[in-house]
Amino acid sequence: MGRPAVILAWGFLLRKNFRDLGRNPFWVLLAETLASVTGLAVYWFTSRAIGPALSFGGDFFAFIVWGELAIGIPLTLWNGAATQVKSATHDGTLEVLLTLPQPAALILGAQTLALLPREMVRAFITLTVASSLFHLPLSFTGLGGFALWEIASIPCFLGLGLFGAAALVQFQRGSSAMGHVGSLLAVLAGVYFPLSAVPAGLAEASRRLSPLTLLVEGVRSSLGGHLEATPVLALGAAGLVLAVLGALALELSFAALRRRGDTLCFGES
């Protein structure tokens, strides 16, 4: 497949993902905006109610909003590849992917990446609403740091998502478990409360082992004007390795599936 064909195919995937939201762009935008207003209002009133009770020296509303924004793209990638495998299985296109000359893992990876523009639109709407209605402070420096961390995180969480999809193909169960693990990692990353609220050992393990914690804390640090290049580059470099290994793992799972001649039938766990 030549480069123009690849670009056209990815463009088709982008259009499909946006069409899945609804036929009329205006109503889609309105629905996303109303959802953002509702969610942010809950966070704002919650921050006014319990924020002063926390031993936290900052704006709890900004704390939780930026935490949620930081994990939007990573969790989309974390769950995306497995979701694409299940979707392709249910609509009968997985068999077609497995017969194409291109590696099926790369095609599914491209389909997963095509989910990101939709998540970026949501982030833009959230920032617009949070700034205009709830006075969330914004700066070009902070937004630039946020963007750098998010871009650096893409290969890492794509790779982890491909590993998850490989396990899903191999064991034909586990998609719900991936969602639960993603939610747990978000909690342990300190998205909804400072990590000082959890036991010290667990907080330290989260900081040392979870790339989601590194990302969330890095985003918040950059918003405070402390953007360090080394951890951003380290996350991006490690992510490239994970993305390659994840694609290989998924392709090996597909190869084993071909050899067995099995039909994928997913369990609920």
C-alpha atoms as a PDB file:
ATOM      1  CA  MET A   1       0.000   0.000   0.000  1.00  0.00           C
ATOM      2  CA  GLY A   2       1.562   3.296  -1.139  1.00  0.00           C
ATOM      3  CA  ARG A   3       1.817   6.401   0.997  1.00  0.00           C
ATOM      4  CA  PRO A   4      -1.143   8.237  -0.668  1.00  0.00           C
ATOM      5  CA  ALA A   5      -3.299   5.135  -0.158  1.00  0.00           C
ATOM      6  CA  VAL A   6      -2.296   4.960   3.523  1.00  0.00           C
ATOM      7  CA  ILE A   7      -3.185   8.633   4.023  1.00  0.00           C
ATOM      8  CA  LEU A   8      -6.544   8.154   2.271  1.00  0.00           C
ATOM      9  CA  ALA A   9      -7.286   5.060   4.366  1.00  0.00           C
ATOM     10  CA  TRP A  10      -6.486   6.873   7.614  1.00  0.00           C
ATOM     11  CA  GLY A  11      -8.616   9.807   6.486  1.00  0.00           C
ATOM     12  CA  PHE A  12     -11.497   7.384   5.946  1.00  0.00           C
ATOM     13  CA  LEU A  13     -11.025   6.035   9.481  1.00  0.00           C
ATOM     14  CA  LEU A  14     -11.133   9.568  10.895  1.00  0.00           C
ATOM     15  CA  ARG A  15     -14.354  10.367   9.044  1.00  0.00           C
ATOM     16  CA  LYS A  16     -15.896   7.086  10.205  1.00  0.00           C
ATOM     17  CA  ASN A  17     -15.123   7.813  13.852  1.00  0.00           C
ATOM     18  CA  PHE A  18     -16.682  11.263  13.631  1.00  0.00           C
ATOM     19  CA  ARG A  19     -19.729   9.886  11.795  1.00  0.00           C
ATOM     20  CA  ASP A  20     -20.192   7.365  14.577  1.00  0.00           C
ATOM     21  CA  LEU A  21     -20.901  10.289  16.917  1.00  0.00           C
ATOM     22  CA  GLY A  22     -23.912  11.361  14.847  1.00  0.00           C
ATOM     23  CA  ARG A  23     -24.941  12.568  11.419  1.00  0.00           C
ATOM     24  CA  ASN A  24     -25.275  16.274  12.160  1.00  0.00           C
ATOM     25  CA  PRO A  25     -22.025  17.958  13.327  1.00  0.00           C
ATOM     26  CA  PHE A  26     -23.956  20.740  15.061  1.00  0.00           C
ATOM     27  CA  TRP A  27     -25.900  18.346  17.280  1.00  0.00           C
ATOM     28  CA  VAL A  28     -22.750  16.355  17.990  1.00  0.00           C
ATOM     29  CA  LEU A  29     -20.959  19.524  19.071  1.00  0.00           C
ATOM     30  CA  LEU A  30     -23.943  20.597  21.174  1.00  0.00           C
ATOM     31  CA  ALA A  31     -24.135  17.199  22.885  1.00  0.00           C
ATOM     32  CA  GLU A  32     -20.403  17.231  23.678  1.00  0.00           C
ATOM     33  CA  THR A  33     -20.650  20.776  25.029  1.00  0.00           C
ATOM     34  CA  LEU A  34     -23.628  19.967  27.268  1.00  0.00           C
ATOM     35  CA  ALA A  35     -21.849  16.862  28.561  1.00  0.00           C
ATOM     36  CA  SER A  36     -18.780  18.960  29.300  1.00  0.00           C
ATOM     37  CA  VAL A  37     -20.803  21.644  31.101  1.00  0.00           C
ATOM     38  CA  THR A  38     -22.552  19.012  33.227  1.00  0.00           C
ATOM     39  CA  GLY A  39     -19.364  17.190  34.173  1.00  0.00           C
ATOM     40  CA  LEU A  40     -17.450  20.381  34.934  1.00  0.00           C
ATOM     41  CA  ALA A  41     -20.311  21.732  37.042  1.00  0.00           C
ATOM     42  CA  VAL A  42     -20.165  18.590  39.185  1.00  0.00           C
ATOM     43  CA  TYR A  43     -16.410  19.014  39.597  1.00  0.00           C
ATOM     44  CA  TRP A  44     -16.762  22.724  40.392  1.00  0.00           C
ATOM     45  CA  PHE A  45     -19.371  22.258  43.113  1.00  0.00           C
ATOM     46  CA  THR A  46     -17.477  19.253  44.479  1.00  0.00           C
ATOM     47  CA  SER A  47     -14.294  21.294  44.666  1.00  0.00           C
ATOM     48  CA  ARG A  48     -16.109  23.997  46.606  1.00  0.00           C
ATOM     49  CA  ALA A  49     -17.582  21.438  48.984  1.00  0.00           C
ATOM     50  CA  ILE A  50     -14.603  19.199  49.773  1.00  0.00           C
ATOM     51  CA  GLY A  51     -11.620  21.096  48.399  1.00  0.00           C
ATOM     52  CA  PRO A  52     -11.063  23.135  51.594  1.00  0.00           C
ATOM     53  CA  ALA A  53     -11.119  19.911  53.650  1.00  0.00           C
ATOM     54  CA  LEU A  54      -8.166  18.459  51.733  1.00  0.00           C
ATOM     55  CA  SER A  55      -4.587  19.091  52.760  1.00  0.00           C
ATOM     56  CA  PHE A  56      -3.981  20.414  49.279  1.00  0.00           C
ATOM     57  CA  GLY A  57      -2.434  23.766  48.565  1.00  0.00           C
ATOM     58  CA  GLY A  58      -3.902  24.420  45.134  1.00  0.00           C
ATOM     59  CA  ASP A  59      -7.163  24.868  43.257  1.00  0.00           C
ATOM     60  CA  PHE A  60      -8.928  21.508  43.518  1.00  0.00           C
ATOM     61  CA  PHE A  61     -11.122  22.265  40.485  1.00  0.00           C
ATOM     62  CA  ALA A  62      -8.067  22.849  38.279  1.00  0.00           C
ATOM     63  CA  PHE A  63      -6.401  19.808  39.849  1.00  0.00           C
ATOM     64  CA  ILE A  64      -9.169  17.420  38.868  1.00  0.00           C
ATOM     65  CA  VAL A  65      -9.920  18.961  35.456  1.00  0.00           C
ATOM     66  CA  TRP A  66      -6.297  18.750  34.305  1.00  0.00           C
ATOM     67  CA  GLY A  67      -6.054  15.244  35.734  1.00  0.00           C
ATOM     68  CA  GLU A  68      -9.034  14.116  33.667  1.00  0.00           C
ATOM     69  CA  LEU A  69      -7.721  15.851  30.561  1.00  0.00           C
ATOM     70  CA  ALA A  70      -4.316  14.210  31.002  1.00  0.00           C
ATOM     71  CA  ILE A  71      -5.739  10.670  30.967  1.00  0.00           C
ATOM     72  CA  GLY A  72      -8.184  11.146  28.076  1.00  0.00           C
ATOM     73  CA  ILE A  73      -5.802  10.182  25.264  1.00  0.00           C
ATOM     74  CA  PRO A  74      -3.917   7.469  27.210  1.00  0.00           C
ATOM     75  CA  LEU A  75      -7.068   5.597  28.249  1.00  0.00           C
ATOM     76  CA  THR A  76      -8.488   5.896  24.737  1.00  0.00           C
ATOM     77  CA  LEU A  77      -5.352   4.139  23.450  1.00  0.00           C
ATOM     78  CA  TRP A  78      -5.288   1.712  26.395  1.00  0.00           C
ATOM     79  CA  ASN A  79      -8.768   0.407  25.556  1.00  0.00           C
ATOM     80  CA  GLY A  80      -8.829   1.252  21.860  1.00  0.00           C
ATOM     81  CA  ALA A  81      -6.950  -1.656  20.266  1.00  0.00           C
ATOM     82  CA  ALA A  82      -8.948  -4.287  22.170  1.00  0.00           C
ATOM     83  CA  THR A  83     -12.171  -2.474  21.257  1.00  0.00           C
ATOM     84  CA  GLN A  84     -11.140  -2.456  17.584  1.00  0.00           C
ATOM     85  CA  VAL A  85     -10.437  -6.206  17.686  1.00  0.00           C
ATOM     86  CA  LYS A  86     -13.853  -6.932  19.224  1.00  0.00           C
ATOM     87  CA  SER A  87     -15.601  -4.609  16.781  1.00  0.00           C
ATOM     88  CA  ALA A  88     -13.857  -6.172  13.787  1.00  0.00           C
ATOM     89  CA  THR A  89     -14.799  -9.621  15.073  1.00  0.00           C
ATOM     90  CA  HIS A  90     -18.458  -8.728  15.514  1.00  0.00           C
ATOM     91  CA  ASP A  91     -18.865  -7.044  12.114  1.00  0.00           C
ATOM     92  CA  GLY A  92     -16.904  -9.752  10.280  1.00  0.00           C
ATOM     93  CA  THR A  93     -14.009  -7.609   9.070  1.00  0.00           C
ATOM     94  CA  LEU A  94     -11.306  -9.257  11.184  1.00  0.00           C
ATOM     95  CA  GLU A  95     -11.090 -12.202   8.788  1.00  0.00           C
ATOM     96  CA  VAL A  96     -10.492  -9.741   5.953  1.00  0.00           C
ATOM     97  CA  LEU A  97      -7.744  -7.980   7.916  1.00  0.00           C
ATOM     98  CA  LEU A  98      -6.019 -11.299   8.570  1.00  0.00           C
ATOM     99  CA  THR A  99      -5.843 -12.032   4.826  1.00  0.00           C
ATOM    100  CA  LEU A 100      -4.378  -8.680   3.772  1.00  0.00           C
ATOM    101  CA  PRO A 101      -0.661  -8.414   2.865  1.00  0.00           C
ATOM    102  CA  GLN A 102      -0.173  -5.695   5.480  1.00  0.00           C
ATOM    103  CA  PRO A 103       0.201  -6.835   9.128  1.00  0.00           C
ATOM    104  CA  ALA A 104      -3.202  -6.786  10.800  1.00  0.00           C
ATOM    105  CA  ALA A 105      -1.612  -5.365  13.967  1.00  0.00           C
ATOM    106  CA  LEU A 106      -0.489  -2.257  12.082  1.00  0.00           C
ATOM    107  CA  ILE A 107      -3.945  -1.746  10.588  1.00  0.00           C
ATOM    108  CA  LEU A 108      -5.583  -2.083  13.999  1.00  0.00           C
ATOM    109  CA  GLY A 109      -2.980   0.287  15.427  1.00  0.00           C
ATOM    110  CA  ALA A 110      -3.893   2.844  12.756  1.00  0.00           C
ATOM    111  CA  GLN A 111      -7.582   2.376  13.569  1.00  0.00           C
ATOM    112  CA  THR A 112      -6.822   3.010  17.231  1.00  0.00           C
ATOM    113  CA  LEU A 113      -4.867   6.180  16.449  1.00  0.00           C
ATOM    114  CA  ALA A 114      -7.825   7.372  14.387  1.00  0.00           C
ATOM    115  CA  LEU A 115      -9.783   7.637  17.654  1.00  0.00           C
ATOM    116  CA  LEU A 116      -7.532  10.442  18.902  1.00  0.00           C
ATOM    117  CA  PRO A 117      -8.911  13.441  16.957  1.00  0.00           C
ATOM    118  CA  ARG A 118     -12.317  12.829  18.509  1.00  0.00           C
ATOM    119  CA  GLU A 119     -10.706  12.844  21.964  1.00  0.00           C
ATOM    120  CA  MET A 120      -8.834  16.041  21.070  1.00  0.00           C
ATOM    121  CA  VAL A 121     -12.120  17.717  20.150  1.00  0.00           C
ATOM    122  CA  ARG A 122     -13.519  16.722  23.540  1.00  0.00           C
ATOM    123  CA  ALA A 123     -10.449  18.160  25.280  1.00  0.00           C
ATOM    124  CA  PHE A 124     -10.790  21.419  23.352  1.00  0.00           C
ATOM    125  CA  ILE A 125     -14.465  21.728  24.279  1.00  0.00           C
ATOM    126  CA  THR A 126     -13.697  20.957  27.931  1.00  0.00           C
ATOM    127  CA  LEU A 127     -10.957  23.588  28.093  1.00  0.00           C
ATOM    128  CA  THR A 128     -13.169  26.161  26.382  1.00  0.00           C
ATOM    129  CA  VAL A 129     -16.081  25.556  28.761  1.00  0.00           C
ATOM    130  CA  ALA A 130     -13.855  25.345  31.850  1.00  0.00           C
ATOM    131  CA  SER A 131     -12.127  28.602  30.973  1.00  0.00           C
ATOM    132  CA  SER A 132     -15.196  30.596  29.912  1.00  0.00           C
ATOM    133  CA  LEU A 133     -17.751  29.396  32.495  1.00  0.00           C
ATOM    134  CA  PHE A 134     -15.648  28.223  35.445  1.00  0.00           C
ATOM    135  CA  HIS A 135     -12.623  30.526  35.059  1.00  0.00           C
ATOM    136  CA  LEU A 136     -10.003  27.795  34.719  1.00  0.00           C
ATOM    137  CA  PRO A 137      -6.699  29.652  34.285  1.00  0.00           C
ATOM    138  CA  LEU A 138      -4.985  28.975  30.947  1.00  0.00           C
ATOM    139  CA  SER A 139      -1.611  29.999  29.587  1.00  0.00           C
ATOM    140  CA  PHE A 140       0.233  29.276  26.340  1.00  0.00           C
ATOM    141  CA  THR A 141       3.153  27.870  28.339  1.00  0.00           C
ATOM    142  CA  GLY A 142       0.911  25.515  30.290  1.00  0.00           C
ATOM    143  CA  LEU A 143      -0.971  24.405  27.185  1.00  0.00           C
ATOM    144  CA  GLY A 144       2.324  23.801  25.391  1.00  0.00           C
ATOM    145  CA  GLY A 145       3.602  21.626  28.233  1.00  0.00           C
ATOM    146  CA  PHE A 146       0.326  19.724  28.319  1.00  0.00           C
ATOM    147  CA  ALA A 147       0.520  19.092  24.558  1.00  0.00           C
ATOM    148  CA  LEU A 148       4.136  17.875  24.746  1.00  0.00           C
ATOM    149  CA  TRP A 149       3.342  15.383  27.500  1.00  0.00           C
ATOM    150  CA  GLU A 150       0.274  14.099  25.655  1.00  0.00           C
ATOM    151  CA  ILE A 151       2.178  13.628  22.386  1.00  0.00           C
ATOM    152  CA  ALA A 152       5.014  11.842  24.202  1.00  0.00           C
ATOM    153  CA  SER A 153       2.510   9.478  25.844  1.00  0.00           C
ATOM    154  CA  ILE A 154       0.905   8.279  22.593  1.00  0.00           C
ATOM    155  CA  PRO A 155       3.421   5.521  21.645  1.00  0.00           C
ATOM    156  CA  CYS A 156       3.543   4.191  25.210  1.00  0.00           C
ATOM    157  CA  PHE A 157      -0.200   3.757  25.659  1.00  0.00           C
ATOM    158  CA  LEU A 158      -0.693   2.571  22.092  1.00  0.00           C
ATOM    159  CA  GLY A 159       1.882  -0.131  22.797  1.00  0.00           C
ATOM    160  CA  LEU A 160       0.214  -1.102  26.079  1.00  0.00           C
ATOM    161  CA  GLY A 161      -3.142  -1.213  24.307  1.00  0.00           C
ATOM    162  CA  LEU A 162      -1.701  -3.497  21.612  1.00  0.00           C
ATOM    163  CA  PHE A 163      -0.365  -5.820  24.325  1.00  0.00           C
ATOM    164  CA  GLY A 164      -3.854  -5.862  25.831  1.00  0.00           C
ATOM    165  CA  ALA A 165      -5.379  -6.673  22.436  1.00  0.00           C
ATOM    166  CA  ALA A 166      -2.835  -9.485  22.006  1.00  0.00           C
ATOM    167  CA  ALA A 167      -3.905 -10.967  25.345  1.00  0.00           C
ATOM    168  CA  LEU A 168      -7.556 -10.580  24.304  1.00  0.00           C
ATOM    169  CA  VAL A 169      -6.940 -12.526  21.081  1.00  0.00           C
ATOM    170  CA  GLN A 170      -4.905 -15.179  22.885  1.00  0.00           C
ATOM    171  CA  PHE A 171      -7.302 -15.832  25.764  1.00  0.00           C
ATOM    172  CA  GLN A 172     -10.548 -14.569  24.140  1.00  0.00           C
ATOM    173  CA  ARG A 173     -11.502 -12.704  27.303  1.00  0.00           C
ATOM    174  CA  GLY A 174     -10.270  -9.760  29.330  1.00  0.00           C
ATOM    175  CA  SER A 175     -11.699  -6.604  27.709  1.00  0.00           C
ATOM    176  CA  SER A 176     -13.722  -5.726  30.814  1.00  0.00           C
ATOM    177  CA  ALA A 177     -10.654  -6.372  32.971  1.00  0.00           C
ATOM    178  CA  MET A 178      -8.660  -3.912  30.855  1.00  0.00           C
ATOM    179  CA  GLY A 179     -11.266  -1.234  31.497  1.00  0.00           C
ATOM    180  CA  HIS A 180     -11.181  -1.893  35.238  1.00  0.00           C
ATOM    181  CA  VAL A 181      -7.373  -1.830  35.309  1.00  0.00           C
ATOM    182  CA  GLY A 182      -7.387   1.464  33.401  1.00  0.00           C
ATOM    183  CA  SER A 183      -9.769   2.979  35.937  1.00  0.00           C
ATOM    184  CA  LEU A 184      -7.624   1.716  38.819  1.00  0.00           C
ATOM    185  CA  LEU A 185      -4.478   3.176  37.255  1.00  0.00           C
ATOM    186  CA  ALA A 186      -6.267   6.515  36.888  1.00  0.00           C
ATOM    187  CA  VAL A 187      -7.188   6.509  40.580  1.00  0.00           C
ATOM    188  CA  LEU A 188      -3.649   5.536  41.611  1.00  0.00           C
ATOM    189  CA  ALA A 189      -2.248   8.237  39.327  1.00  0.00           C
ATOM    190  CA  GLY A 190      -3.861  10.846  41.556  1.00  0.00           C
ATOM    191  CA  VAL A 191      -6.351  12.080  38.992  1.00  0.00           C
ATOM    192  CA  TYR A 192      -9.137  12.672  41.520  1.00  0.00           C
ATOM    193  CA  PHE A 193      -7.185  13.371  44.707  1.00  0.00           C
ATOM    194  CA  PRO A 194      -3.562  13.991  45.717  1.00  0.00           C
ATOM    195  CA  LEU A 195      -1.431  10.853  46.067  1.00  0.00           C
ATOM    196  CA  SER A 196      -0.736  11.917  49.642  1.00  0.00           C
ATOM    197  CA  ALA A 197      -4.217  10.534  50.394  1.00  0.00           C
ATOM    198  CA  VAL A 198      -3.121   6.923  49.685  1.00  0.00           C
ATOM    199  CA  PRO A 199      -0.629   4.826  51.677  1.00  0.00           C
ATOM    200  CA  ALA A 200       2.944   5.971  51.117  1.00  0.00           C
ATOM    201  CA  GLY A 201       4.117   2.611  49.777  1.00  0.00           C
ATOM    202  CA  LEU A 202       1.323   2.410  47.227  1.00  0.00           C
ATOM    203  CA  ALA A 203       1.881   6.005  46.139  1.00  0.00           C
ATOM    204  CA  GLU A 204       5.617   5.363  45.684  1.00  0.00           C
ATOM    205  CA  ALA A 205       4.932   2.193  43.665  1.00  0.00           C
ATOM    206  CA  SER A 206       2.547   4.147  41.450  1.00  0.00           C
ATOM    207  CA  ARG A 207       5.170   6.836  40.829  1.00  0.00           C
ATOM    208  CA  ARG A 208       7.863   4.272  40.019  1.00  0.00           C
ATOM    209  CA  LEU A 209       5.868   1.807  37.922  1.00  0.00           C
ATOM    210  CA  SER A 210       2.903   3.559  36.279  1.00  0.00           C
ATOM    211  CA  PRO A 211       3.458   5.677  33.159  1.00  0.00           C
ATOM    212  CA  LEU A 212       0.018   7.178  33.768  1.00  0.00           C
ATOM    213  CA  THR A 213       1.213   8.595  37.090  1.00  0.00           C
ATOM    214  CA  LEU A 214       4.324   9.993  35.411  1.00  0.00           C
ATOM    215  CA  LEU A 215       2.108  11.637  32.792  1.00  0.00           C
ATOM    216  CA  VAL A 216      -0.430  13.138  35.213  1.00  0.00           C
ATOM    217  CA  GLU A 217       2.208  14.517  37.555  1.00  0.00           C
ATOM    218  CA  GLY A 218       4.252  15.775  34.601  1.00  0.00           C
ATOM    219  CA  VAL A 219       1.254  17.629  33.146  1.00  0.00           C
ATOM    220  CA  ARG A 220       0.462  19.282  36.476  1.00  0.00           C
ATOM    221  CA  SER A 221       4.113  20.217  36.982  1.00  0.00           C
ATOM    222  CA  SER A 222       4.319  21.772  33.509  1.00  0.00           C
ATOM    223  CA  LEU A 223       1.186  23.816  34.216  1.00  0.00           C
ATOM    224  CA  GLY A 224       3.070  25.245  37.184  1.00  0.00           C
ATOM    225  CA  GLY A 225       5.916  26.278  34.884  1.00  0.00           C
ATOM    226  CA  HIS A 226       8.206  23.304  35.602  1.00  0.00           C
ATOM    227  CA  LEU A 227       8.498  21.409  32.316  1.00  0.00           C
ATOM    228  CA  GLU A 228      11.468  19.012  32.308  1.00  0.00           C
ATOM    229  CA  ALA A 229      12.590  17.642  28.948  1.00  0.00           C
ATOM    230  CA  THR A 230      14.238  14.468  30.262  1.00  0.00           C
ATOM    231  CA  PRO A 231      11.122  12.630  31.556  1.00  0.00           C
ATOM    232  CA  VAL A 232       9.126  13.695  28.491  1.00  0.00           C
ATOM    233  CA  LEU A 233      11.786  12.297  26.146  1.00  0.00           C
ATOM    234  CA  ALA A 234      12.167   9.169  28.275  1.00  0.00           C
ATOM    235  CA  LEU A 235       8.421   8.493  28.112  1.00  0.00           C
ATOM    236  CA  GLY A 236       8.413   9.000  24.345  1.00  0.00           C
ATOM    237  CA  ALA A 237      11.471   6.788  23.745  1.00  0.00           C
ATOM    238  CA  ALA A 238      10.227   3.983  25.992  1.00  0.00           C
ATOM    239  CA  GLY A 239       6.844   4.296  24.302  1.00  0.00           C
ATOM    240  CA  LEU A 240       8.318   3.717  20.841  1.00  0.00           C
ATOM    241  CA  VAL A 241       9.857   0.461  22.070  1.00  0.00           C
ATOM    242  CA  LEU A 242       6.555  -0.572  23.666  1.00  0.00           C
ATOM    243  CA  ALA A 243       4.614   0.239  20.492  1.00  0.00           C
ATOM    244  CA  VAL A 244       6.888  -1.981  18.374  1.00  0.00           C
ATOM    245  CA  LEU A 245       6.795  -4.818  20.908  1.00  0.00           C
ATOM    246  CA  GLY A 246       3.022  -4.481  21.298  1.00  0.00           C
ATOM    247  CA  ALA A 247       2.501  -4.699  17.526  1.00  0.00           C
ATOM    248  CA  LEU A 248       4.723  -7.800  17.401  1.00  0.00           C
ATOM    249  CA  ALA A 249       2.833  -9.398  20.289  1.00  0.00           C
ATOM    250  CA  LEU A 250      -0.518  -8.782  18.579  1.00  0.00           C
ATOM    251  CA  GLU A 251       0.772 -10.119  15.268  1.00  0.00           C
ATOM    252  CA  LEU A 252       2.054 -13.268  17.028  1.00  0.00           C
ATOM    253  CA  SER A 253      -1.382 -13.726  18.604  1.00  0.00           C
ATOM    254  CA  PHE A 254      -2.996 -13.459  15.185  1.00  0.00           C
ATOM    255  CA  ALA A 255      -0.474 -15.946  13.779  1.00  0.00           C
ATOM    256  CA  ALA A 256      -1.339 -18.430  16.538  1.00  0.00           C
ATOM    257  CA  LEU A 257      -5.039 -17.878  15.801  1.00  0.00           C
ATOM    258  CA  ARG A 258      -4.461 -18.670  12.107  1.00  0.00           C
ATOM    259  CA  ARG A 259      -2.550 -21.853  12.956  1.00  0.00           C
ATOM    260  CA  ARG A 260      -5.284 -23.070  15.302  1.00  0.00           C
ATOM    261  CA  GLY A 261      -8.014 -22.189  12.837  1.00  0.00           C
ATOM    262  CA  ASP A 262     -10.152 -20.899  15.709  1.00  0.00           C
ATOM    263  CA  THR A 263     -13.023 -18.454  15.481  1.00  0.00           C
ATOM    264  CA  LEU A 264     -12.795 -15.620  17.984  1.00  0.00           C
ATOM    265  CA  CYS A 265     -15.587 -15.710  20.550  1.00  0.00           C
ATOM    266  CA  PHE A 266     -15.071 -13.327  23.425  1.00  0.00           C
ATOM    267  CA  GLY A 267     -16.084 -13.918  27.021  1.00  0.00           C
ATOM    268  CA  GLU A 268     -17.461 -11.089  29.145  1.00  0.00           C
ATOM    269  CA  SER A 269     -14.636 -10.899  31.708  1.00  0.00           C
END
